[in-house]
N, C-alpha and C. Protein backbone atom coordinates (compact mmCIF):
# COMPACT_ATOMS: atom_id res chain seq x y z
N MET A 1 11.96 -21.98 -64.78
CA MET A 1 12.85 -22.04 -63.65
C MET A 1 12.97 -20.66 -62.98
N GLN A 2 13.15 -19.66 -63.78
CA GLN A 2 13.30 -18.31 -63.25
C GLN A 2 11.98 -17.86 -62.59
N LEU A 3 10.87 -18.31 -63.13
CA LEU A 3 9.57 -17.98 -62.57
C LEU A 3 9.40 -18.57 -61.16
N ARG A 4 9.87 -19.82 -60.98
CA ARG A 4 9.80 -20.45 -59.66
C ARG A 4 10.67 -19.70 -58.64
N THR A 5 11.85 -19.29 -59.03
CA THR A 5 12.75 -18.56 -58.14
C THR A 5 12.11 -17.24 -57.71
N GLN A 6 11.46 -16.56 -58.64
CA GLN A 6 10.81 -15.29 -58.30
C GLN A 6 9.65 -15.53 -57.33
N ARG A 7 8.89 -16.62 -57.52
CA ARG A 7 7.78 -16.94 -56.63
C ARG A 7 8.29 -17.23 -55.21
N ARG A 8 9.38 -18.00 -55.13
CA ARG A 8 9.94 -18.31 -53.81
C ARG A 8 10.39 -17.04 -53.09
N ARG A 9 11.05 -16.15 -53.78
CA ARG A 9 11.48 -14.89 -53.16
C ARG A 9 10.26 -14.09 -52.71
N HIS A 10 9.25 -14.08 -53.57
CA HIS A 10 8.03 -13.35 -53.27
C HIS A 10 7.36 -13.96 -52.02
N GLN A 11 7.30 -15.31 -51.95
CA GLN A 11 6.70 -16.00 -50.81
C GLN A 11 7.50 -15.73 -49.53
N ARG A 12 8.83 -15.71 -49.63
CA ARG A 12 9.65 -15.42 -48.46
C ARG A 12 9.38 -14.00 -47.97
N GLY A 13 9.18 -13.08 -48.84
CA GLY A 13 8.88 -11.70 -48.46
C GLY A 13 7.54 -11.60 -47.76
N ILE A 14 6.54 -12.34 -48.29
CA ILE A 14 5.22 -12.33 -47.66
C ILE A 14 5.30 -12.98 -46.28
N LEU A 15 6.03 -14.07 -46.16
CA LEU A 15 6.21 -14.76 -44.89
C LEU A 15 6.86 -13.84 -43.86
N ALA A 16 7.85 -13.09 -44.27
CA ALA A 16 8.52 -12.16 -43.35
C ALA A 16 7.56 -11.07 -42.87
N VAL A 17 6.74 -10.54 -43.77
CA VAL A 17 5.77 -9.50 -43.39
C VAL A 17 4.72 -10.08 -42.45
N GLU A 18 4.20 -11.26 -42.76
CA GLU A 18 3.20 -11.89 -41.90
C GLU A 18 3.79 -12.19 -40.52
N PHE A 19 5.00 -12.69 -40.49
CA PHE A 19 5.66 -12.98 -39.21
C PHE A 19 5.83 -11.71 -38.38
N ALA A 20 6.22 -10.62 -39.02
CA ALA A 20 6.40 -9.36 -38.31
C ALA A 20 5.07 -8.86 -37.73
N ILE A 21 4.00 -9.00 -38.47
CA ILE A 21 2.69 -8.55 -37.99
C ILE A 21 2.23 -9.41 -36.82
N VAL A 22 2.33 -10.73 -36.98
CA VAL A 22 1.90 -11.63 -35.91
C VAL A 22 2.77 -11.45 -34.67
N LEU A 23 4.07 -11.32 -34.84
CA LEU A 23 4.97 -11.14 -33.70
C LEU A 23 4.67 -9.84 -32.96
N SER A 24 4.41 -8.77 -33.68
CA SER A 24 4.12 -7.50 -33.01
C SER A 24 2.81 -7.58 -32.23
N VAL A 25 1.81 -8.25 -32.76
CA VAL A 25 0.54 -8.41 -32.04
C VAL A 25 0.76 -9.28 -30.79
N LEU A 26 1.50 -10.36 -30.93
CA LEU A 26 1.76 -11.23 -29.79
C LEU A 26 2.58 -10.52 -28.71
N LEU A 27 3.56 -9.76 -29.10
CA LEU A 27 4.35 -9.00 -28.12
C LEU A 27 3.50 -7.96 -27.41
N LEU A 28 2.64 -7.29 -28.15
CA LEU A 28 1.74 -6.30 -27.54
C LEU A 28 0.83 -6.98 -26.52
N LEU A 29 0.29 -8.13 -26.87
CA LEU A 29 -0.54 -8.88 -25.94
C LEU A 29 0.26 -9.32 -24.71
N LEU A 30 1.45 -9.81 -24.93
CA LEU A 30 2.30 -10.26 -23.84
C LEU A 30 2.62 -9.11 -22.87
N PHE A 31 3.02 -7.96 -23.40
CA PHE A 31 3.33 -6.81 -22.55
C PHE A 31 2.07 -6.32 -21.83
N GLY A 32 0.94 -6.33 -22.52
CA GLY A 32 -0.32 -5.93 -21.90
C GLY A 32 -0.70 -6.85 -20.75
N LEU A 33 -0.57 -8.15 -20.96
CA LEU A 33 -0.87 -9.12 -19.91
C LEU A 33 0.08 -8.96 -18.72
N MET A 34 1.33 -8.70 -18.98
CA MET A 34 2.28 -8.49 -17.89
C MET A 34 1.95 -7.22 -17.11
N ALA A 35 1.51 -6.18 -17.78
CA ALA A 35 1.12 -4.94 -17.10
C ALA A 35 -0.13 -5.16 -16.25
N VAL A 36 -1.10 -5.92 -16.77
CA VAL A 36 -2.31 -6.22 -16.00
C VAL A 36 -1.95 -7.10 -14.80
N ALA A 37 -1.05 -8.06 -15.00
CA ALA A 37 -0.61 -8.91 -13.89
C ALA A 37 0.08 -8.08 -12.81
N GLN A 38 0.85 -7.09 -13.22
CA GLN A 38 1.49 -6.21 -12.25
C GLN A 38 0.43 -5.45 -11.45
N GLY A 39 -0.61 -4.98 -12.13
CA GLY A 39 -1.70 -4.28 -11.45
C GLY A 39 -2.41 -5.16 -10.44
N LEU A 40 -2.69 -6.40 -10.81
CA LEU A 40 -3.33 -7.33 -9.87
C LEU A 40 -2.43 -7.62 -8.68
N TYR A 41 -1.15 -7.80 -8.95
CA TYR A 41 -0.17 -8.01 -7.88
C TYR A 41 -0.18 -6.82 -6.92
N ALA A 42 -0.16 -5.62 -7.48
CA ALA A 42 -0.12 -4.41 -6.65
C ALA A 42 -1.39 -4.27 -5.81
N PHE A 43 -2.57 -4.54 -6.41
CA PHE A 43 -3.83 -4.45 -5.65
C PHE A 43 -3.80 -5.40 -4.46
N ASN A 44 -3.33 -6.61 -4.67
CA ASN A 44 -3.28 -7.58 -3.57
C ASN A 44 -2.20 -7.23 -2.55
N THR A 45 -1.08 -6.78 -3.01
CA THR A 45 0.05 -6.52 -2.13
C THR A 45 -0.18 -5.29 -1.25
N VAL A 46 -0.80 -4.24 -1.75
CA VAL A 46 -1.01 -3.05 -0.92
C VAL A 46 -1.93 -3.35 0.26
N GLN A 47 -2.87 -4.27 0.08
CA GLN A 47 -3.72 -4.64 1.22
C GLN A 47 -2.90 -5.38 2.26
N GLU A 48 -2.00 -6.24 1.81
CA GLU A 48 -1.12 -6.95 2.74
C GLU A 48 -0.17 -5.98 3.45
N VAL A 49 0.30 -4.97 2.74
CA VAL A 49 1.18 -3.96 3.33
C VAL A 49 0.46 -3.25 4.47
N SER A 50 -0.79 -2.82 4.24
CA SER A 50 -1.52 -2.11 5.30
C SER A 50 -1.83 -3.05 6.47
N ARG A 51 -2.13 -4.31 6.19
CA ARG A 51 -2.42 -5.28 7.25
C ARG A 51 -1.19 -5.50 8.13
N ARG A 52 -0.03 -5.69 7.50
CA ARG A 52 1.21 -5.92 8.25
C ARG A 52 1.57 -4.71 9.11
N ALA A 53 1.44 -3.52 8.54
CA ALA A 53 1.79 -2.30 9.28
C ALA A 53 0.83 -2.07 10.45
N ALA A 54 -0.47 -2.31 10.25
CA ALA A 54 -1.44 -2.11 11.32
C ALA A 54 -1.21 -3.08 12.47
N ALA A 55 -0.95 -4.34 12.14
CA ALA A 55 -0.71 -5.34 13.19
C ALA A 55 0.53 -4.97 14.02
N ALA A 56 1.57 -4.51 13.37
CA ALA A 56 2.80 -4.14 14.09
C ALA A 56 2.62 -2.84 14.87
N ALA A 57 1.94 -1.86 14.29
CA ALA A 57 1.76 -0.56 14.96
C ALA A 57 0.89 -0.69 16.21
N ALA A 58 -0.01 -1.65 16.24
CA ALA A 58 -0.87 -1.85 17.41
C ALA A 58 -0.08 -2.31 18.62
N LYS A 59 1.13 -2.83 18.38
CA LYS A 59 1.97 -3.36 19.46
C LYS A 59 3.20 -2.49 19.73
N THR A 60 3.30 -1.35 19.06
CA THR A 60 4.51 -0.53 19.13
C THR A 60 4.21 0.83 19.75
N ASP A 61 5.13 1.33 20.53
CA ASP A 61 5.01 2.65 21.16
C ASP A 61 4.92 3.72 20.08
N PHE A 62 3.87 4.50 20.13
CA PHE A 62 3.64 5.55 19.12
C PHE A 62 4.62 6.70 19.23
N ASN A 63 5.37 6.79 20.32
CA ASN A 63 6.38 7.84 20.48
C ASN A 63 7.74 7.45 19.90
N ASP A 64 7.92 6.19 19.54
CA ASP A 64 9.19 5.69 19.02
C ASP A 64 9.21 5.83 17.49
N ALA A 65 9.71 6.98 17.01
CA ALA A 65 9.72 7.27 15.57
C ALA A 65 10.54 6.25 14.78
N ALA A 66 11.65 5.79 15.35
CA ALA A 66 12.48 4.81 14.65
C ALA A 66 11.75 3.48 14.49
N ALA A 67 11.02 3.07 15.52
CA ALA A 67 10.25 1.82 15.44
C ALA A 67 9.14 1.94 14.42
N LEU A 68 8.47 3.09 14.38
CA LEU A 68 7.40 3.28 13.39
C LEU A 68 7.96 3.30 11.97
N GLN A 69 9.13 3.88 11.78
CA GLN A 69 9.76 3.86 10.46
C GLN A 69 10.13 2.44 10.07
N GLN A 70 10.61 1.66 11.02
CA GLN A 70 10.93 0.25 10.76
C GLN A 70 9.68 -0.53 10.39
N ILE A 71 8.56 -0.21 11.02
CA ILE A 71 7.28 -0.86 10.68
C ILE A 71 6.92 -0.55 9.23
N ARG A 72 7.05 0.71 8.84
CA ARG A 72 6.73 1.10 7.46
C ARG A 72 7.61 0.36 6.46
N GLN A 73 8.89 0.28 6.74
CA GLN A 73 9.82 -0.42 5.85
C GLN A 73 9.51 -1.91 5.79
N SER A 74 9.27 -2.50 6.93
CA SER A 74 8.97 -3.92 6.98
C SER A 74 7.65 -4.23 6.26
N ALA A 75 6.70 -3.32 6.36
CA ALA A 75 5.41 -3.53 5.70
C ALA A 75 5.55 -3.62 4.19
N VAL A 76 6.50 -2.88 3.61
CA VAL A 76 6.73 -2.94 2.16
C VAL A 76 7.84 -3.93 1.82
N PHE A 77 8.08 -4.87 2.76
CA PHE A 77 9.02 -5.97 2.55
C PHE A 77 10.45 -5.48 2.30
N ARG A 78 10.87 -4.49 3.09
CA ARG A 78 12.22 -3.96 2.97
C ARG A 78 12.83 -3.83 4.35
N SER A 79 14.15 -3.77 4.40
CA SER A 79 14.84 -3.52 5.67
C SER A 79 15.42 -2.11 5.69
N ASN A 80 15.24 -1.37 4.61
CA ASN A 80 15.70 0.02 4.52
C ASN A 80 14.69 0.79 3.68
N PRO A 81 14.76 2.12 3.65
CA PRO A 81 13.79 2.88 2.86
C PRO A 81 13.89 2.50 1.39
N GLY A 82 12.73 2.47 0.74
CA GLY A 82 12.74 2.15 -0.69
C GLY A 82 11.37 1.78 -1.20
N VAL A 83 11.35 1.36 -2.47
CA VAL A 83 10.12 1.09 -3.20
C VAL A 83 9.75 -0.38 -3.08
N LEU A 84 8.45 -0.65 -3.00
CA LEU A 84 7.93 -2.01 -3.00
C LEU A 84 8.22 -2.65 -4.36
N ALA A 85 8.79 -3.84 -4.36
CA ALA A 85 9.17 -4.51 -5.60
C ALA A 85 7.97 -4.71 -6.52
N PHE A 86 8.15 -4.37 -7.79
CA PHE A 86 7.14 -4.50 -8.85
C PHE A 86 5.90 -3.66 -8.62
N ALA A 87 5.95 -2.70 -7.73
CA ALA A 87 4.78 -1.86 -7.46
C ALA A 87 5.18 -0.40 -7.26
N ALA A 88 6.10 0.08 -8.07
CA ALA A 88 6.52 1.48 -7.98
C ALA A 88 5.31 2.36 -8.29
N PRO A 89 5.14 3.45 -7.62
CA PRO A 89 6.02 4.16 -6.70
C PRO A 89 5.76 3.87 -5.23
N ILE A 90 4.97 2.82 -4.90
CA ILE A 90 4.67 2.52 -3.49
C ILE A 90 5.97 2.30 -2.72
N SER A 91 6.11 3.03 -1.63
CA SER A 91 7.30 2.91 -0.78
C SER A 91 6.87 3.03 0.67
N ASP A 92 7.83 2.96 1.57
CA ASP A 92 7.54 3.11 2.99
C ASP A 92 6.97 4.50 3.29
N ALA A 93 7.28 5.47 2.46
CA ALA A 93 6.76 6.83 2.67
C ALA A 93 5.25 6.92 2.43
N HIS A 94 4.68 5.96 1.71
CA HIS A 94 3.24 5.97 1.43
C HIS A 94 2.41 5.35 2.56
N VAL A 95 3.06 4.68 3.49
CA VAL A 95 2.36 4.01 4.59
C VAL A 95 2.05 5.04 5.67
N ARG A 96 0.76 5.33 5.86
CA ARG A 96 0.34 6.34 6.84
C ARG A 96 -0.32 5.65 8.03
N ILE A 97 0.21 5.89 9.22
CA ILE A 97 -0.30 5.28 10.45
C ILE A 97 -1.04 6.36 11.24
N ASP A 98 -2.32 6.09 11.56
CA ASP A 98 -3.14 7.01 12.35
C ASP A 98 -3.63 6.29 13.60
N TYR A 99 -3.79 7.04 14.67
CA TYR A 99 -4.34 6.50 15.91
C TYR A 99 -5.72 7.09 16.11
N LEU A 100 -6.66 6.23 16.48
CA LEU A 100 -8.07 6.62 16.54
C LEU A 100 -8.64 6.44 17.93
N SER A 101 -9.51 7.36 18.31
CA SER A 101 -10.27 7.23 19.55
C SER A 101 -11.74 7.01 19.18
N ILE A 102 -12.51 6.56 20.15
CA ILE A 102 -13.95 6.36 19.93
C ILE A 102 -14.68 7.54 20.56
N SER A 103 -15.56 8.11 19.79
CA SER A 103 -16.35 9.24 20.29
C SER A 103 -17.82 8.81 20.38
N ARG A 104 -18.45 9.12 21.50
CA ARG A 104 -19.87 8.82 21.67
C ARG A 104 -20.65 10.12 21.55
N ALA A 105 -21.57 10.15 20.61
CA ALA A 105 -22.40 11.33 20.40
C ALA A 105 -23.53 11.36 21.44
N ALA A 106 -24.24 12.47 21.51
CA ALA A 106 -25.33 12.64 22.47
C ALA A 106 -26.43 11.61 22.25
N ASP A 107 -26.62 11.18 20.99
CA ASP A 107 -27.67 10.19 20.70
C ASP A 107 -27.20 8.75 20.95
N GLY A 108 -25.96 8.59 21.42
CA GLY A 108 -25.44 7.27 21.74
C GLY A 108 -24.66 6.60 20.62
N SER A 109 -24.62 7.22 19.46
CA SER A 109 -23.89 6.61 18.34
C SER A 109 -22.38 6.78 18.55
N LEU A 110 -21.65 5.81 18.03
CA LEU A 110 -20.20 5.82 18.17
C LEU A 110 -19.54 6.10 16.83
N SER A 111 -18.39 6.77 16.88
CA SER A 111 -17.62 7.01 15.65
C SER A 111 -16.13 7.02 16.00
N LEU A 112 -15.33 6.69 15.01
CA LEU A 112 -13.88 6.70 15.17
C LEU A 112 -13.35 8.06 14.73
N LEU A 113 -12.51 8.65 15.56
CA LEU A 113 -11.94 9.96 15.26
C LEU A 113 -10.42 9.88 15.27
N PRO A 114 -9.76 10.43 14.24
CA PRO A 114 -8.29 10.50 14.28
C PRO A 114 -7.85 11.42 15.41
N MET A 115 -6.81 11.03 16.10
CA MET A 115 -6.34 11.80 17.24
C MET A 115 -5.29 12.81 16.80
N ALA A 116 -5.52 14.07 17.12
CA ALA A 116 -4.55 15.11 16.80
C ALA A 116 -3.44 15.13 17.83
N LEU A 117 -3.78 14.82 19.07
CA LEU A 117 -2.82 14.85 20.16
C LEU A 117 -2.84 13.49 20.85
N LEU A 118 -1.71 12.80 20.83
CA LEU A 118 -1.61 11.48 21.44
C LEU A 118 -1.23 11.60 22.91
N PRO A 119 -1.56 10.58 23.72
CA PRO A 119 -1.12 10.60 25.12
C PRO A 119 0.40 10.63 25.20
N ALA A 120 0.91 10.99 26.35
CA ALA A 120 2.36 11.11 26.51
C ALA A 120 3.07 9.78 26.37
N THR A 121 2.48 8.72 26.89
CA THR A 121 3.11 7.39 26.85
C THR A 121 2.02 6.33 26.68
N PRO A 122 2.41 5.10 26.34
CA PRO A 122 1.42 4.01 26.32
C PRO A 122 0.79 3.79 27.70
N ALA A 123 1.56 4.01 28.79
CA ALA A 123 1.00 3.88 30.14
C ALA A 123 -0.08 4.93 30.38
N ALA A 124 0.16 6.15 29.94
CA ALA A 124 -0.85 7.21 30.08
C ALA A 124 -2.10 6.87 29.26
N ASN A 125 -1.91 6.21 28.13
CA ASN A 125 -3.05 5.77 27.33
C ASN A 125 -3.88 4.73 28.09
N ARG A 126 -3.21 3.79 28.75
CA ARG A 126 -3.93 2.77 29.53
C ARG A 126 -4.73 3.42 30.65
N VAL A 127 -4.15 4.41 31.31
CA VAL A 127 -4.84 5.10 32.40
C VAL A 127 -6.06 5.85 31.85
N ALA A 128 -5.89 6.56 30.73
CA ALA A 128 -7.00 7.31 30.13
C ALA A 128 -8.12 6.37 29.68
N CYS A 129 -7.77 5.23 29.10
CA CYS A 129 -8.78 4.28 28.61
C CYS A 129 -9.50 3.60 29.78
N ALA A 130 -8.77 3.34 30.88
CA ALA A 130 -9.40 2.73 32.05
C ALA A 130 -10.39 3.69 32.70
N ALA A 131 -10.05 4.98 32.70
CA ALA A 131 -10.92 5.98 33.30
C ALA A 131 -12.15 6.23 32.44
N ASP A 132 -11.97 6.34 31.13
CA ASP A 132 -13.10 6.61 30.22
C ASP A 132 -12.71 6.15 28.81
N PRO A 133 -13.30 5.04 28.35
CA PRO A 133 -12.93 4.53 27.03
C PRO A 133 -13.32 5.47 25.87
N TYR A 134 -14.16 6.46 26.17
CA TYR A 134 -14.57 7.42 25.12
C TYR A 134 -13.84 8.74 25.25
N ASP A 135 -12.80 8.76 26.08
CA ASP A 135 -11.98 9.96 26.25
C ASP A 135 -11.22 10.23 24.95
N THR A 136 -11.04 11.49 24.60
CA THR A 136 -10.31 11.85 23.38
C THR A 136 -8.83 11.52 23.49
N GLN A 137 -8.35 11.23 24.70
CA GLN A 137 -6.95 10.86 24.90
C GLN A 137 -6.76 9.34 25.02
N CYS A 138 -7.77 8.57 24.65
CA CYS A 138 -7.72 7.11 24.73
C CYS A 138 -7.60 6.53 23.32
N VAL A 139 -6.41 6.03 23.00
CA VAL A 139 -6.20 5.39 21.70
C VAL A 139 -6.82 4.00 21.76
N GLN A 140 -7.82 3.77 20.91
CA GLN A 140 -8.51 2.48 20.88
C GLN A 140 -8.14 1.65 19.65
N PHE A 141 -7.88 2.35 18.52
CA PHE A 141 -7.63 1.66 17.26
C PHE A 141 -6.44 2.28 16.53
N VAL A 142 -5.84 1.48 15.66
CA VAL A 142 -4.78 1.95 14.78
C VAL A 142 -5.27 1.76 13.35
N ARG A 143 -5.14 2.80 12.55
CA ARG A 143 -5.54 2.73 11.14
C ARG A 143 -4.30 2.94 10.28
N VAL A 144 -4.14 2.08 9.29
CA VAL A 144 -3.04 2.22 8.34
C VAL A 144 -3.64 2.31 6.95
N ARG A 145 -3.17 3.29 6.19
CA ARG A 145 -3.61 3.48 4.81
C ARG A 145 -2.40 3.72 3.93
N LEU A 146 -2.56 3.45 2.65
CA LEU A 146 -1.52 3.79 1.67
C LEU A 146 -1.99 5.01 0.91
N CYS A 147 -1.31 6.13 1.15
CA CYS A 147 -1.73 7.42 0.62
C CYS A 147 -0.64 8.03 -0.24
N ASP A 148 -1.06 8.86 -1.17
CA ASP A 148 -0.11 9.60 -2.00
C ASP A 148 0.66 10.57 -1.11
N VAL A 149 1.97 10.57 -1.24
CA VAL A 149 2.80 11.41 -0.37
C VAL A 149 2.66 12.90 -0.71
N ALA A 150 2.14 13.21 -1.87
CA ALA A 150 1.99 14.61 -2.27
C ALA A 150 0.90 15.31 -1.47
N ASP A 151 -0.03 14.54 -0.88
CA ASP A 151 -1.14 15.11 -0.13
C ASP A 151 -1.02 14.68 1.33
N ALA A 152 -0.58 15.59 2.19
CA ALA A 152 -0.37 15.27 3.60
C ALA A 152 -1.64 15.38 4.42
N VAL A 153 -2.69 16.02 3.89
CA VAL A 153 -3.90 16.24 4.67
C VAL A 153 -4.90 15.10 4.47
N SER A 154 -5.34 14.91 3.24
CA SER A 154 -6.28 13.82 2.96
C SER A 154 -5.50 12.64 2.40
N CYS A 155 -6.18 11.54 2.27
CA CYS A 155 -5.51 10.33 1.79
C CYS A 155 -5.95 10.04 0.36
N GLN A 156 -5.18 10.53 -0.59
CA GLN A 156 -5.47 10.30 -2.00
C GLN A 156 -4.80 9.00 -2.45
N PRO A 157 -5.48 8.23 -3.32
CA PRO A 157 -4.87 6.98 -3.79
C PRO A 157 -3.64 7.22 -4.67
N VAL A 158 -2.81 6.19 -4.76
CA VAL A 158 -1.57 6.26 -5.52
C VAL A 158 -1.80 5.64 -6.90
N THR A 159 -1.21 6.25 -7.93
CA THR A 159 -1.27 5.70 -9.28
C THR A 159 -0.03 4.85 -9.51
N LEU A 160 -0.25 3.62 -9.96
CA LEU A 160 0.82 2.65 -10.17
C LEU A 160 1.62 3.00 -11.42
N ASP A 161 2.95 2.92 -11.33
CA ASP A 161 3.81 3.08 -12.50
C ASP A 161 3.87 1.74 -13.23
N SER A 162 3.72 1.78 -14.54
CA SER A 162 3.78 0.55 -15.33
C SER A 162 5.22 0.06 -15.43
N ILE A 163 5.40 -1.26 -15.47
CA ILE A 163 6.75 -1.80 -15.62
C ILE A 163 7.27 -1.60 -17.04
N PHE A 164 6.35 -1.33 -17.97
CA PHE A 164 6.73 -1.02 -19.35
C PHE A 164 6.28 0.40 -19.66
N PRO A 165 7.21 1.32 -19.86
CA PRO A 165 6.83 2.72 -20.08
C PRO A 165 5.95 2.94 -21.30
N TRP A 166 6.03 2.07 -22.29
CA TRP A 166 5.25 2.24 -23.50
C TRP A 166 3.86 1.62 -23.38
N VAL A 167 3.56 0.91 -22.28
CA VAL A 167 2.23 0.37 -22.03
C VAL A 167 1.70 1.07 -20.79
N GLN A 168 0.95 2.14 -20.98
CA GLN A 168 0.43 2.93 -19.87
C GLN A 168 -1.02 2.54 -19.61
N LEU A 169 -1.29 1.98 -18.41
CA LEU A 169 -2.64 1.60 -18.04
C LEU A 169 -3.25 2.57 -17.03
N ASN A 170 -2.45 3.41 -16.40
CA ASN A 170 -2.91 4.37 -15.39
C ASN A 170 -3.81 3.71 -14.35
N ILE A 171 -3.27 2.73 -13.66
CA ILE A 171 -4.01 2.01 -12.63
C ILE A 171 -3.91 2.78 -11.32
N THR A 172 -5.06 3.18 -10.78
CA THR A 172 -5.10 3.86 -9.49
C THR A 172 -5.40 2.81 -8.43
N LEU A 173 -4.51 2.68 -7.48
CA LEU A 173 -4.66 1.68 -6.42
C LEU A 173 -5.63 2.18 -5.35
N THR A 174 -6.15 1.26 -4.57
CA THR A 174 -7.00 1.64 -3.45
C THR A 174 -6.11 2.18 -2.32
N THR A 175 -6.71 2.84 -1.36
CA THR A 175 -5.93 3.32 -0.22
C THR A 175 -5.63 2.18 0.76
N ALA A 176 -6.23 1.01 0.54
CA ALA A 176 -5.93 -0.20 1.31
C ALA A 176 -5.96 0.06 2.81
N THR A 177 -7.08 0.47 3.31
CA THR A 177 -7.22 0.81 4.72
C THR A 177 -7.39 -0.43 5.59
N THR A 178 -6.64 -0.49 6.68
CA THR A 178 -6.79 -1.55 7.67
C THR A 178 -6.89 -0.88 9.05
N ILE A 179 -7.91 -1.27 9.82
CA ILE A 179 -8.10 -0.75 11.18
C ILE A 179 -8.06 -1.94 12.14
N VAL A 180 -7.20 -1.84 13.15
CA VAL A 180 -7.10 -2.90 14.15
C VAL A 180 -7.19 -2.30 15.56
N LYS A 181 -7.65 -3.12 16.50
CA LYS A 181 -7.70 -2.73 17.91
C LYS A 181 -6.28 -2.65 18.44
N THR A 182 -6.01 -1.68 19.28
CA THR A 182 -4.67 -1.55 19.86
C THR A 182 -4.35 -2.79 20.70
N ASP A 183 -3.07 -3.12 20.73
CA ASP A 183 -2.60 -4.28 21.47
C ASP A 183 -1.48 -3.84 22.41
N GLY A 184 -1.80 -2.90 23.28
CA GLY A 184 -0.83 -2.44 24.27
C GLY A 184 0.00 -1.24 23.84
N LEU A 185 0.15 -1.04 22.55
CA LEU A 185 0.93 0.09 22.03
C LEU A 185 2.34 0.15 22.63
N GLY A 186 2.93 -1.00 22.86
CA GLY A 186 4.28 -1.05 23.39
C GLY A 186 4.37 -0.89 24.89
N TYR A 187 3.22 -0.94 25.58
CA TYR A 187 3.23 -0.80 27.04
C TYR A 187 3.93 -1.99 27.66
N VAL A 188 4.83 -1.70 28.58
CA VAL A 188 5.53 -2.72 29.34
C VAL A 188 5.28 -2.43 30.82
N ALA A 189 4.70 -3.42 31.49
CA ALA A 189 4.39 -3.24 32.92
C ALA A 189 5.69 -3.18 33.71
N SER A 190 5.76 -2.26 34.64
CA SER A 190 6.96 -2.14 35.46
C SER A 190 6.92 -3.22 36.54
N PRO A 191 8.09 -3.81 36.83
CA PRO A 191 8.13 -4.86 37.86
C PRO A 191 7.85 -4.27 39.24
N LEU A 192 7.20 -5.06 40.04
CA LEU A 192 6.85 -4.59 41.39
C LEU A 192 7.97 -4.69 42.35
């Protein structure tokens, strides 16, 4: 009788150890899968963020800083400054909007160039583009990228923060570039 009691206690101890090992492996797998799912979500979402911002910026006056800030916030699905849900550290500050002109080289090849100096108004842009579509003062395209805020010159990709600090995957996101043709840039025709 005493021998059976000792065996049962021994079996319960083995069961507890086996359960702890299996549970820890399962939890590790679960947390790993959730971190990978977060990475996939972030990869898909940053492309949507750049697409939304580019579409809105093509229709907005480039001189209206408040409207451009609202575009950045709206692109990351927010109504105020902040971080994109489940994709930290991506925020409205990471959304970079550039205006591009078309340059024609002597051999006839075309290239997109970021504009250092924008026209005074969307109306001035229309006049410049009507006169010469290859003028350096003619905004033809809007480019939106998601760039690391630490680098203001070049566009370095952002590293995603894991939702679980103890599961570090160091996922570097793409810059998610979207280029769209301008759609008036907020130009409003004056009534005659």
